[in-house]
Amino acid sequence: MTEAGLLEQVLGTVPLLAGFANIVKLEAALALAPDAVRRLAALAVSITEDAERLRERLRLANQEYERLISMADGWWKISAGLSERRSRELLYRLGRERFTDRVLIAWARASEGAADGNWHALASLPRRWDAPAFPLKAADLLARGVTKGPRLGAPLAAAEEACIAADFPLEPHAVQAIADAAARAV
């Protein structure tokens, strides 16, 4: 399709063939099943406008489009030097699939090859670490005197950010201290 000039017409842009070839290698190196949406992103998505164009041209499902948008939004912020702590935060915020998508797109566009240990460690984080569920609920703050209503969201969000900043503590006393601090801040 590329040699005949068809791929450019279908995608509406010049295809990123090296990115596509690299994604195929990375999926194989990580023993991941081939993923059509991720491969499409590697082939034709660098910025969110690319995802929007593909949505219209290829009549993508909402879920496919949202994954492409996620990959376009921030892949360039990911590098092999990303700390373990920052990587866990990103995994927590994005979820397993979108984390893997962004890491693989960034890796496919990086100069390091499929055998790079730092990239491999980053890409395999979802296999090594399960992002915990946020341990606090609105009831935890209500029990500490925070009033029910729209103002409850801010201290709950602050508590979640404090948990992330503390690198996801699981010890009850640490979680309770975060809840106490969030309630006092209201």
N, C-alpha and C. Protein backbone atom coordinates (compact mmCIF):
# COMPACT_ATOMS: atom_id res chain seq x y z
N MET A 1 0.83 -1.20 0.00
CA MET A 1 0.00 0.00 0.00
C MET A 1 0.87 1.26 0.00
N THR A 2 1.98 1.20 0.73
CA THR A 2 2.87 2.36 0.77
C THR A 2 3.50 2.61 -0.58
N GLU A 3 4.01 1.56 -1.20
CA GLU A 3 4.67 1.71 -2.49
C GLU A 3 3.72 2.21 -3.57
N ALA A 4 2.47 1.82 -3.48
CA ALA A 4 1.47 2.25 -4.46
C ALA A 4 0.89 3.62 -4.13
N GLY A 5 1.23 4.17 -2.95
CA GLY A 5 0.72 5.48 -2.56
C GLY A 5 -0.67 5.42 -1.94
N LEU A 6 -1.17 4.23 -1.68
CA LEU A 6 -2.52 4.10 -1.14
C LEU A 6 -2.58 4.41 0.36
N LEU A 7 -1.56 4.02 1.08
CA LEU A 7 -1.58 4.20 2.54
C LEU A 7 -1.70 5.67 2.91
N GLU A 8 -1.00 6.52 2.21
CA GLU A 8 -1.07 7.96 2.47
C GLU A 8 -2.48 8.49 2.20
N GLN A 9 -3.12 7.97 1.17
CA GLN A 9 -4.48 8.39 0.86
C GLN A 9 -5.47 7.91 1.92
N VAL A 10 -5.30 6.70 2.40
CA VAL A 10 -6.20 6.15 3.42
C VAL A 10 -6.04 6.91 4.73
N LEU A 11 -4.80 7.14 5.14
CA LEU A 11 -4.53 7.78 6.43
C LEU A 11 -4.67 9.30 6.39
N GLY A 12 -4.49 9.88 5.21
CA GLY A 12 -4.56 11.34 5.11
C GLY A 12 -3.29 12.01 5.60
N THR A 13 -2.21 11.26 5.70
CA THR A 13 -0.92 11.78 6.14
C THR A 13 0.18 10.85 5.67
N VAL A 14 1.40 11.29 5.80
CA VAL A 14 2.54 10.44 5.48
C VAL A 14 2.68 9.41 6.61
N PRO A 15 2.66 8.13 6.30
CA PRO A 15 2.75 7.11 7.35
C PRO A 15 4.14 7.08 7.99
N LEU A 16 4.14 6.80 9.27
CA LEU A 16 5.38 6.69 10.04
C LEU A 16 5.78 5.21 10.05
N LEU A 17 6.36 4.77 8.97
CA LEU A 17 6.65 3.35 8.80
C LEU A 17 7.64 2.82 9.82
N ALA A 18 8.62 3.61 10.21
CA ALA A 18 9.60 3.16 11.21
C ALA A 18 8.91 2.94 12.55
N GLY A 19 8.00 3.84 12.92
CA GLY A 19 7.25 3.67 14.17
C GLY A 19 6.42 2.41 14.16
N PHE A 20 5.79 2.14 13.03
CA PHE A 20 5.00 0.92 12.91
C PHE A 20 5.89 -0.32 13.04
N ALA A 21 7.00 -0.34 12.32
CA ALA A 21 7.91 -1.49 12.39
C ALA A 21 8.43 -1.68 13.82
N ASN A 22 8.72 -0.57 14.49
CA ASN A 22 9.22 -0.67 15.87
C ASN A 22 8.16 -1.21 16.83
N ILE A 23 6.91 -0.80 16.67
CA ILE A 23 5.84 -1.31 17.54
C ILE A 23 5.71 -2.81 17.38
N VAL A 24 5.79 -3.29 16.16
CA VAL A 24 5.70 -4.72 15.90
C VAL A 24 6.83 -5.45 16.65
N LYS A 25 8.05 -4.90 16.58
CA LYS A 25 9.20 -5.50 17.28
C LYS A 25 9.00 -5.46 18.80
N LEU A 26 8.49 -4.35 19.30
CA LEU A 26 8.31 -4.20 20.75
C LEU A 26 7.24 -5.15 21.28
N GLU A 27 6.14 -5.27 20.55
CA GLU A 27 5.10 -6.21 20.98
C GLU A 27 5.67 -7.63 21.05
N ALA A 28 6.48 -7.98 20.08
CA ALA A 28 7.09 -9.32 20.07
C ALA A 28 8.08 -9.46 21.23
N ALA A 29 8.90 -8.44 21.47
CA ALA A 29 9.90 -8.50 22.53
C ALA A 29 9.26 -8.61 23.91
N LEU A 30 8.09 -8.02 24.07
CA LEU A 30 7.39 -8.05 25.36
C LEU A 30 6.35 -9.16 25.43
N ALA A 31 6.26 -9.97 24.40
CA ALA A 31 5.28 -11.06 24.32
C ALA A 31 3.85 -10.54 24.46
N LEU A 32 3.58 -9.41 23.81
CA LEU A 32 2.24 -8.83 23.80
C LEU A 32 1.53 -9.24 22.52
N ALA A 33 0.25 -9.41 22.61
CA ALA A 33 -0.54 -9.71 21.42
C ALA A 33 -0.54 -8.48 20.50
N PRO A 34 -0.53 -8.69 19.20
CA PRO A 34 -0.61 -7.54 18.29
C PRO A 34 -1.86 -6.72 18.59
N ASP A 35 -1.70 -5.41 18.60
CA ASP A 35 -2.81 -4.52 18.93
C ASP A 35 -3.02 -3.55 17.78
N ALA A 36 -4.15 -3.66 17.09
CA ALA A 36 -4.41 -2.86 15.89
C ALA A 36 -4.46 -1.37 16.19
N VAL A 37 -5.07 -0.97 17.29
CA VAL A 37 -5.18 0.47 17.60
C VAL A 37 -3.81 1.04 17.91
N ARG A 38 -3.02 0.33 18.69
CA ARG A 38 -1.67 0.80 19.01
C ARG A 38 -0.83 0.88 17.75
N ARG A 39 -0.96 -0.10 16.87
CA ARG A 39 -0.20 -0.08 15.62
C ARG A 39 -0.64 1.07 14.72
N LEU A 40 -1.93 1.35 14.71
CA LEU A 40 -2.42 2.49 13.94
C LEU A 40 -1.83 3.80 14.49
N ALA A 41 -1.77 3.92 15.80
CA ALA A 41 -1.18 5.11 16.40
C ALA A 41 0.29 5.23 16.02
N ALA A 42 1.02 4.13 16.07
CA ALA A 42 2.43 4.17 15.70
C ALA A 42 2.61 4.56 14.24
N LEU A 43 1.67 4.19 13.42
CA LEU A 43 1.73 4.46 11.98
C LEU A 43 1.32 5.88 11.63
N ALA A 44 0.38 6.46 12.39
CA ALA A 44 -0.20 7.71 11.89
C ALA A 44 -0.57 8.75 12.94
N VAL A 45 -0.19 8.58 14.21
CA VAL A 45 -0.62 9.54 15.23
C VAL A 45 0.59 10.11 15.97
N SER A 46 0.74 11.43 15.89
CA SER A 46 1.75 12.13 16.67
C SER A 46 1.12 13.14 17.60
N ILE A 47 0.03 13.75 17.15
CA ILE A 47 -0.68 14.76 17.93
C ILE A 47 -2.18 14.44 17.90
N THR A 48 -2.93 15.10 18.77
CA THR A 48 -4.36 14.78 18.89
C THR A 48 -5.13 15.03 17.59
N GLU A 49 -4.70 15.99 16.81
CA GLU A 49 -5.38 16.25 15.53
C GLU A 49 -5.29 15.05 14.60
N ASP A 50 -4.19 14.31 14.69
CA ASP A 50 -4.06 13.09 13.87
C ASP A 50 -5.13 12.08 14.26
N ALA A 51 -5.37 11.93 15.55
CA ALA A 51 -6.40 11.00 16.03
C ALA A 51 -7.78 11.45 15.56
N GLU A 52 -8.02 12.74 15.60
CA GLU A 52 -9.31 13.27 15.15
C GLU A 52 -9.51 13.01 13.66
N ARG A 53 -8.46 13.21 12.88
CA ARG A 53 -8.54 12.97 11.44
C ARG A 53 -8.83 11.50 11.16
N LEU A 54 -8.13 10.61 11.87
CA LEU A 54 -8.35 9.18 11.65
C LEU A 54 -9.75 8.74 12.07
N ARG A 55 -10.26 9.38 13.10
CA ARG A 55 -11.63 9.04 13.54
C ARG A 55 -12.62 9.27 12.40
N GLU A 56 -12.47 10.38 11.72
CA GLU A 56 -13.37 10.70 10.61
C GLU A 56 -13.10 9.83 9.39
N ARG A 57 -11.84 9.69 9.03
CA ARG A 57 -11.49 8.96 7.81
C ARG A 57 -11.80 7.47 7.92
N LEU A 58 -11.55 6.88 9.09
CA LEU A 58 -11.69 5.44 9.26
C LEU A 58 -12.96 5.05 10.02
N ARG A 59 -13.72 6.06 10.43
CA ARG A 59 -14.95 5.83 11.19
C ARG A 59 -14.71 4.91 12.39
N LEU A 60 -13.79 5.36 13.22
CA LEU A 60 -13.40 4.57 14.39
C LEU A 60 -14.47 4.59 15.46
N ALA A 61 -14.51 3.53 16.24
CA ALA A 61 -15.40 3.47 17.40
C ALA A 61 -14.88 4.45 18.45
N ASN A 62 -15.75 4.89 19.33
CA ASN A 62 -15.36 5.84 20.37
C ASN A 62 -14.19 5.33 21.20
N GLN A 63 -14.21 4.06 21.56
CA GLN A 63 -13.14 3.49 22.37
C GLN A 63 -11.80 3.53 21.64
N GLU A 64 -11.81 3.23 20.36
CA GLU A 64 -10.58 3.29 19.56
C GLU A 64 -10.07 4.72 19.47
N TYR A 65 -10.98 5.64 19.22
CA TYR A 65 -10.61 7.05 19.14
C TYR A 65 -10.03 7.55 20.47
N GLU A 66 -10.65 7.19 21.58
CA GLU A 66 -10.17 7.63 22.88
C GLU A 66 -8.78 7.08 23.18
N ARG A 67 -8.50 5.87 22.77
CA ARG A 67 -7.14 5.33 22.94
C ARG A 67 -6.15 6.09 22.09
N LEU A 68 -6.51 6.40 20.85
CA LEU A 68 -5.61 7.18 19.99
C LEU A 68 -5.34 8.55 20.59
N ILE A 69 -6.38 9.19 21.11
CA ILE A 69 -6.21 10.50 21.76
C ILE A 69 -5.26 10.37 22.94
N SER A 70 -5.43 9.34 23.74
CA SER A 70 -4.57 9.13 24.89
C SER A 70 -3.12 8.93 24.46
N MET A 71 -2.90 8.18 23.41
CA MET A 71 -1.53 7.96 22.94
C MET A 71 -0.92 9.25 22.40
N ALA A 72 -1.74 10.05 21.72
CA ALA A 72 -1.24 11.30 21.16
C ALA A 72 -0.97 12.33 22.25
N ASP A 73 -1.69 12.22 23.35
CA ASP A 73 -1.60 13.20 24.43
C ASP A 73 -0.57 12.78 25.47
N GLY A 74 0.68 13.02 25.18
CA GLY A 74 1.68 12.82 26.21
C GLY A 74 2.72 11.76 25.98
N TRP A 75 2.73 11.10 24.84
CA TRP A 75 3.74 10.07 24.62
C TRP A 75 5.14 10.66 24.67
N TRP A 76 5.30 11.89 24.25
CA TRP A 76 6.62 12.53 24.21
C TRP A 76 7.15 12.89 25.59
N LYS A 77 6.30 12.83 26.61
CA LYS A 77 6.74 13.10 27.99
C LYS A 77 7.35 11.87 28.66
N ILE A 78 7.30 10.75 27.98
CA ILE A 78 7.78 9.49 28.56
C ILE A 78 9.15 9.18 27.98
N SER A 79 10.06 8.83 28.87
CA SER A 79 11.40 8.45 28.44
C SER A 79 11.87 7.24 29.25
N ALA A 80 12.93 6.62 28.77
CA ALA A 80 13.49 5.46 29.46
C ALA A 80 14.02 5.83 30.83
N GLY A 81 14.32 7.10 31.05
CA GLY A 81 14.84 7.56 32.33
C GLY A 81 13.77 7.92 33.35
N LEU A 82 12.52 7.65 33.06
CA LEU A 82 11.43 7.96 33.98
C LEU A 82 11.62 7.16 35.27
N SER A 83 11.55 7.84 36.41
CA SER A 83 11.78 7.15 37.68
C SER A 83 10.68 6.13 37.96
N GLU A 84 11.00 5.17 38.78
CA GLU A 84 10.03 4.13 39.16
C GLU A 84 8.81 4.77 39.83
N ARG A 85 9.05 5.75 40.66
CA ARG A 85 7.96 6.42 41.37
C ARG A 85 7.05 7.17 40.41
N ARG A 86 7.64 7.93 39.50
CA ARG A 86 6.85 8.67 38.51
C ARG A 86 6.13 7.69 37.57
N SER A 87 6.77 6.57 37.28
CA SER A 87 6.15 5.55 36.43
C SER A 87 4.91 4.97 37.11
N ARG A 88 5.02 4.70 38.41
CA ARG A 88 3.86 4.17 39.15
C ARG A 88 2.72 5.20 39.18
N GLU A 89 3.07 6.47 39.34
CA GLU A 89 2.05 7.52 39.32
C GLU A 89 1.33 7.55 37.98
N LEU A 90 2.10 7.46 36.91
CA LEU A 90 1.52 7.48 35.57
C LEU A 90 0.63 6.26 35.34
N LEU A 91 1.08 5.10 35.79
CA LEU A 91 0.27 3.89 35.67
C LEU A 91 -1.03 4.02 36.45
N TYR A 92 -0.95 4.58 37.65
CA TYR A 92 -2.15 4.79 38.47
C TYR A 92 -3.14 5.71 37.74
N ARG A 93 -2.65 6.79 37.21
CA ARG A 93 -3.53 7.79 36.57
C ARG A 93 -4.11 7.29 35.24
N LEU A 94 -3.32 6.56 34.46
CA LEU A 94 -3.76 6.16 33.12
C LEU A 94 -4.45 4.80 33.07
N GLY A 95 -4.08 3.91 33.96
CA GLY A 95 -4.55 2.53 33.87
C GLY A 95 -3.58 1.72 33.02
N ARG A 96 -3.71 0.41 33.10
CA ARG A 96 -2.75 -0.50 32.46
C ARG A 96 -2.67 -0.32 30.94
N GLU A 97 -3.82 -0.34 30.27
CA GLU A 97 -3.82 -0.31 28.81
C GLU A 97 -3.24 1.00 28.29
N ARG A 98 -3.69 2.11 28.81
CA ARG A 98 -3.23 3.40 28.29
C ARG A 98 -1.78 3.68 28.67
N PHE A 99 -1.37 3.20 29.86
CA PHE A 99 0.03 3.30 30.23
C PHE A 99 0.90 2.54 29.22
N THR A 100 0.53 1.30 28.96
CA THR A 100 1.29 0.48 28.01
C THR A 100 1.29 1.10 26.63
N ASP A 101 0.15 1.61 26.19
CA ASP A 101 0.07 2.28 24.88
C ASP A 101 1.08 3.43 24.79
N ARG A 102 1.06 4.32 25.77
CA ARG A 102 1.94 5.49 25.72
C ARG A 102 3.40 5.11 25.81
N VAL A 103 3.72 4.17 26.67
CA VAL A 103 5.11 3.75 26.81
C VAL A 103 5.61 3.14 25.50
N LEU A 104 4.82 2.28 24.90
CA LEU A 104 5.26 1.64 23.66
C LEU A 104 5.38 2.63 22.51
N ILE A 105 4.47 3.59 22.43
CA ILE A 105 4.58 4.60 21.38
C ILE A 105 5.85 5.43 21.59
N ALA A 106 6.11 5.83 22.82
CA ALA A 106 7.32 6.61 23.11
C ALA A 106 8.57 5.79 22.79
N TRP A 107 8.58 4.52 23.19
CA TRP A 107 9.72 3.65 22.95
C TRP A 107 9.93 3.43 21.45
N ALA A 108 8.84 3.25 20.72
CA ALA A 108 8.94 3.03 19.27
C ALA A 108 9.54 4.24 18.56
N ARG A 109 9.40 5.40 19.15
CA ARG A 109 9.92 6.62 18.53
C ARG A 109 11.24 7.07 19.13
N ALA A 110 11.74 6.32 20.09
CA ALA A 110 13.01 6.63 20.74
C ALA A 110 14.16 6.00 19.95
N SER A 111 15.36 6.46 20.22
CA SER A 111 16.52 5.93 19.49
C SER A 111 16.95 4.57 20.01
N GLU A 112 16.59 4.23 21.24
CA GLU A 112 16.97 2.93 21.79
C GLU A 112 16.17 1.82 21.12
N GLY A 113 16.76 0.67 21.02
CA GLY A 113 16.10 -0.44 20.35
C GLY A 113 15.26 -1.29 21.29
N ALA A 114 14.73 -2.37 20.75
CA ALA A 114 13.83 -3.26 21.49
C ALA A 114 14.53 -3.98 22.64
N ALA A 115 15.84 -4.03 22.64
CA ALA A 115 16.57 -4.73 23.70
C ALA A 115 16.94 -3.81 24.87
N ASP A 116 16.57 -2.55 24.82
CA ASP A 116 16.96 -1.60 25.87
C ASP A 116 16.34 -1.98 27.22
N GLY A 117 17.18 -2.15 28.24
CA GLY A 117 16.73 -2.60 29.55
C GLY A 117 15.86 -1.59 30.28
N ASN A 118 16.19 -0.30 30.16
CA ASN A 118 15.39 0.73 30.85
C ASN A 118 13.97 0.80 30.28
N TRP A 119 13.87 0.78 28.96
CA TRP A 119 12.54 0.79 28.35
C TRP A 119 11.78 -0.49 28.71
N HIS A 120 12.49 -1.59 28.69
CA HIS A 120 11.83 -2.87 29.00
C HIS A 120 11.28 -2.85 30.43
N ALA A 121 12.07 -2.32 31.37
CA ALA A 121 11.61 -2.23 32.76
C ALA A 121 10.38 -1.34 32.87
N LEU A 122 10.39 -0.23 32.16
CA LEU A 122 9.24 0.69 32.19
C LEU A 122 8.01 0.02 31.59
N ALA A 123 8.17 -0.61 30.44
CA ALA A 123 7.03 -1.25 29.77
C ALA A 123 6.47 -2.43 30.55
N SER A 124 7.31 -3.07 31.35
CA SER A 124 6.84 -4.24 32.10
C SER A 124 6.31 -3.87 33.50
N LEU A 125 6.28 -2.60 33.84
CA LEU A 125 5.78 -2.18 35.15
C LEU A 125 4.37 -2.72 35.43
N PRO A 126 3.43 -2.69 34.50
CA PRO A 126 2.09 -3.23 34.82
C PRO A 126 2.09 -4.72 35.18
N ARG A 127 3.09 -5.44 34.77
CA ARG A 127 3.19 -6.85 35.15
C ARG A 127 3.76 -7.01 36.56
N ARG A 128 4.56 -6.02 36.97
CA ARG A 128 5.25 -6.11 38.27
C ARG A 128 4.51 -5.40 39.39
N TRP A 129 3.64 -4.46 39.05
CA TRP A 129 3.00 -3.63 40.08
C TRP A 129 1.55 -3.36 39.70
N ASP A 130 0.67 -3.66 40.62
CA ASP A 130 -0.75 -3.34 40.43
C ASP A 130 -1.04 -2.03 41.13
N ALA A 131 -1.55 -1.08 40.39
CA ALA A 131 -1.91 0.20 40.99
C ALA A 131 -3.02 -0.03 42.01
N PRO A 132 -2.81 0.42 43.24
CA PRO A 132 -3.84 0.19 44.26
C PRO A 132 -5.05 1.09 44.04
N ALA A 133 -6.17 0.65 44.55
CA ALA A 133 -7.35 1.51 44.55
C ALA A 133 -7.14 2.59 45.61
N PHE A 134 -7.65 3.76 45.36
CA PHE A 134 -7.55 4.84 46.33
C PHE A 134 -8.24 4.38 47.61
N PRO A 135 -7.53 4.38 48.75
CA PRO A 135 -8.06 3.74 49.95
C PRO A 135 -9.10 4.54 50.73
N LEU A 136 -9.30 5.79 50.38
CA LEU A 136 -10.25 6.62 51.14
C LEU A 136 -11.54 6.82 50.36
N LYS A 137 -12.60 6.98 51.10
CA LYS A 137 -13.92 7.25 50.52
C LYS A 137 -14.47 8.52 51.15
N ALA A 138 -15.52 9.02 50.58
CA ALA A 138 -16.15 10.22 51.13
C ALA A 138 -16.53 10.01 52.60
N ALA A 139 -16.96 8.83 52.95
CA ALA A 139 -17.35 8.53 54.34
C ALA A 139 -16.20 8.75 55.31
N ASP A 140 -14.97 8.50 54.87
CA ASP A 140 -13.81 8.72 55.73
C ASP A 140 -13.65 10.20 56.09
N LEU A 141 -13.94 11.07 55.15
CA LEU A 141 -13.83 12.50 55.42
C LEU A 141 -15.07 13.02 56.16
N LEU A 142 -16.22 12.45 55.85
CA LEU A 142 -17.43 12.83 56.57
C LEU A 142 -17.28 12.50 58.06
N ALA A 143 -16.66 11.37 58.35
CA ALA A 143 -16.44 10.96 59.74
C ALA A 143 -15.48 11.90 60.46
N ARG A 144 -14.72 12.68 59.70
CA ARG A 144 -13.77 13.63 60.27
C ARG A 144 -14.32 15.05 60.29
N GLY A 145 -15.60 15.19 60.05
CA GLY A 145 -16.25 16.49 60.17
C GLY A 145 -16.38 17.30 58.90
N VAL A 146 -15.98 16.77 57.78
CA VAL A 146 -16.16 17.48 56.51
C VAL A 146 -17.63 17.39 56.15
N THR A 147 -18.21 18.52 55.78
CA THR A 147 -19.64 18.54 55.49
C THR A 147 -19.95 17.92 54.13
N LYS A 148 -21.08 17.28 54.06
CA LYS A 148 -21.54 16.64 52.84
C LYS A 148 -21.91 17.72 51.82
N GLY A 149 -21.67 17.43 50.57
CA GLY A 149 -22.03 18.37 49.52
C GLY A 149 -20.90 18.59 48.53
N PRO A 150 -21.04 19.62 47.71
CA PRO A 150 -20.06 19.84 46.65
C PRO A 150 -18.65 20.16 47.16
N ARG A 151 -18.53 20.62 48.40
CA ARG A 151 -17.22 20.96 48.94
C ARG A 151 -16.44 19.72 49.38
N LEU A 152 -17.07 18.58 49.35
CA LEU A 152 -16.41 17.34 49.75
C LEU A 152 -15.39 16.87 48.71
N GLY A 153 -15.61 17.23 47.47
CA GLY A 153 -14.72 16.78 46.39
C GLY A 153 -13.30 17.30 46.52
N ALA A 154 -13.12 18.54 46.93
CA ALA A 154 -11.77 19.13 47.01
C ALA A 154 -10.89 18.41 48.04
N PRO A 155 -11.37 18.20 49.27
CA PRO A 155 -10.49 17.48 50.20
C PRO A 155 -10.26 16.01 49.80
N LEU A 156 -11.23 15.41 49.15
CA LEU A 156 -11.05 14.04 48.69
C LEU A 156 -9.98 13.99 47.59
N ALA A 157 -10.02 14.96 46.68
CA ALA A 157 -9.00 15.04 45.63
C ALA A 157 -7.63 15.34 46.23
N ALA A 158 -7.59 16.21 47.23
CA ALA A 158 -6.33 16.53 47.89
C ALA A 158 -5.76 15.29 48.59
N ALA A 159 -6.61 14.50 49.19
CA ALA A 159 -6.17 13.27 49.85
C ALA A 159 -5.61 12.29 48.82
N GLU A 160 -6.25 12.20 47.67
CA GLU A 160 -5.74 11.31 46.63
C GLU A 160 -4.36 11.77 46.15
N GLU A 161 -4.22 13.07 45.94
CA GLU A 161 -2.91 13.60 45.53
C GLU A 161 -1.86 13.35 46.60
N ALA A 162 -2.23 13.46 47.86
CA ALA A 162 -1.29 13.19 48.96
C ALA A 162 -0.89 11.72 48.97
N CYS A 163 -1.82 10.83 48.68
CA CYS A 163 -1.49 9.40 48.61
C CYS A 163 -0.52 9.13 47.47
N ILE A 164 -0.75 9.77 46.34
CA ILE A 164 0.16 9.60 45.20
C ILE A 164 1.54 10.14 45.56
N ALA A 165 1.58 11.33 46.16
CA ALA A 165 2.86 11.96 46.54
C ALA A 165 3.62 11.11 47.56
N ALA A 166 2.89 10.40 48.39
CA ALA A 166 3.52 9.53 49.41
C ALA A 166 3.85 8.15 48.84
N ASP A 167 3.71 7.98 47.54
CA ASP A 167 4.00 6.73 46.84
C ASP A 167 3.09 5.59 47.28
N PHE A 168 1.80 5.90 47.37
CA PHE A 168 0.75 4.91 47.59
C PHE A 168 0.92 4.11 48.88
N PRO A 169 0.89 4.80 50.02
CA PRO A 169 1.04 4.06 51.28
C PRO A 169 -0.15 3.13 51.51
N LEU A 170 0.15 1.97 52.05
CA LEU A 170 -0.90 0.99 52.35
C LEU A 170 -1.11 0.83 53.85
N GLU A 171 -0.17 1.32 54.63
CA GLU A 171 -0.27 1.20 56.08
C GLU A 171 -1.45 2.02 56.57
N PRO A 172 -2.30 1.46 57.40
CA PRO A 172 -3.49 2.18 57.87
C PRO A 172 -3.17 3.52 58.54
N HIS A 173 -2.11 3.56 59.34
CA HIS A 173 -1.79 4.81 60.04
C HIS A 173 -1.40 5.91 59.05
N ALA A 174 -0.71 5.56 57.96
CA ALA A 174 -0.33 6.56 56.95
C ALA A 174 -1.55 7.06 56.19
N VAL A 175 -2.44 6.16 55.85
CA VAL A 175 -3.67 6.54 55.14
C VAL A 175 -4.55 7.41 56.04
N GLN A 176 -4.65 7.05 57.31
CA GLN A 176 -5.45 7.83 58.26
C GLN A 176 -4.85 9.23 58.45
N ALA A 177 -3.53 9.32 58.47
CA ALA A 177 -2.87 10.65 58.60
C ALA A 177 -3.19 11.52 57.40
N ILE A 178 -3.23 10.93 56.21
CA ILE A 178 -3.57 11.68 55.00
C ILE A 178 -5.03 12.15 55.08
N ALA A 179 -5.93 11.28 55.54
CA ALA A 179 -7.34 11.65 55.69
C ALA A 179 -7.50 12.78 56.72
N ASP A 180 -6.78 12.68 57.82
CA ASP A 180 -6.84 13.73 58.86
C ASP A 180 -6.36 15.07 58.31
N ALA A 181 -5.26 15.04 57.56
CA ALA A 181 -4.71 16.28 56.99
C ALA A 181 -5.68 16.89 55.96
N ALA A 182 -6.29 16.07 55.16
CA ALA A 182 -7.25 16.57 54.16
C ALA A 182 -8.47 17.18 54.83
N ALA A 183 -8.94 16.56 55.91
CA ALA A 183 -10.10 17.08 56.64
C ALA A 183 -9.77 18.41 57.32
N ARG A 184 -8.57 18.50 57.88
CA ARG A 184 -8.15 19.76 58.55
C ARG A 184 -8.00 20.91 57.57
N ALA A 185 -7.67 20.61 56.34
CA ALA A 185 -7.42 21.64 55.33
C ALA A 185 -8.70 22.31 54.84
N VAL A 186 -9.83 21.75 55.16
CA VAL A 186 -11.11 22.30 54.67
C VAL A 186 -11.44 23.58 55.38
